[in-house]
Protein backbone atom coordinates (compact mmCIF):
# COMPACT_ATOMS: atom_id res chain seq x y z
CA MET A 1 81.32 86.06 113.84
CA THR A 2 84.55 84.26 113.05
CA ILE A 3 83.05 80.83 113.66
CA VAL A 4 80.07 81.58 111.43
CA ALA A 5 82.36 82.84 108.66
CA THR A 6 84.63 79.83 109.00
CA ASN A 7 81.73 77.39 108.88
CA LYS A 8 80.43 79.04 105.71
CA GLY A 9 83.88 79.34 104.14
CA LEU A 10 83.73 83.15 104.04
CA PRO A 11 86.59 85.47 104.99
CA CYS A 12 85.73 87.38 108.18
CA VAL A 13 86.48 90.72 106.51
CA LEU A 14 83.53 90.22 104.14
CA LEU A 15 80.99 90.16 106.96
CA PRO A 16 79.60 93.71 107.27
CA GLU A 17 78.85 93.47 110.99
CA SER A 18 82.23 92.01 112.05
CA LYS A 19 84.93 94.14 113.67
CA ALA A 20 87.45 92.73 111.21
CA GLY A 21 85.22 93.70 108.30
CA ARG A 22 84.79 97.25 109.54
CA ALA A 23 88.53 97.63 110.16
CA TYR A 24 89.32 96.26 106.69
CA ARG A 25 86.90 98.65 104.97
CA ASP A 26 88.20 101.59 107.03
CA MET A 27 91.79 100.74 106.04
CA ALA A 28 90.82 100.47 102.37
CA ARG A 29 89.08 103.86 102.53
CA ARG A 30 92.20 105.40 104.11
CA MET A 31 94.33 103.95 101.31
CA LEU A 32 92.00 105.59 98.79
CA GLY A 33 92.63 108.96 100.45
CA GLU A 34 89.54 109.38 102.63
CA ALA A 35 89.91 110.81 106.12
CA VAL A 36 88.50 107.97 108.21
CA PRO A 37 88.78 108.25 112.02
CA LEU A 38 90.35 105.40 113.97
CA ARG A 39 87.96 103.13 115.84
CA LEU A 40 89.64 102.35 119.12
CA SER A 41 88.27 99.61 121.29
CA ALA A 42 87.41 100.61 124.84
CA GLU A 43 87.19 96.99 125.94
CA PRO A 44 89.67 95.85 128.57
CA ARG A 45 92.00 93.19 127.23
CA GLY A 46 93.83 90.27 128.71
CA ILE A 47 92.87 88.41 131.84
CA MET A 48 91.22 91.46 133.41
CA GLY A 49 88.97 91.89 130.37
CA PHE A 50 88.04 88.23 130.53
CA LEU A 51 87.22 88.50 134.24
CA HIS A 52 85.09 91.63 133.69
CA LYS A 53 83.08 89.87 130.99
CA PHE A 54 82.84 86.68 133.04
CA MET A 55 81.58 88.54 136.10
CA GLY A 56 79.17 90.60 133.98
CA GLU A 57 80.73 93.95 134.84
CA ALA A 58 81.50 95.03 131.28
């Protein structure tokens, strides 16, 4: 998503399907007073996350 947005000159937060866009809209809704639940990523991070994706286990 980021590469596509960069190539088109669009900010990533304006793409509706991007994680950054969803997080930005959720934050804006919270600032406006809505009760929006946190979206926590269940993906493993760091080198272990990379290895899981690389090996096809995630």
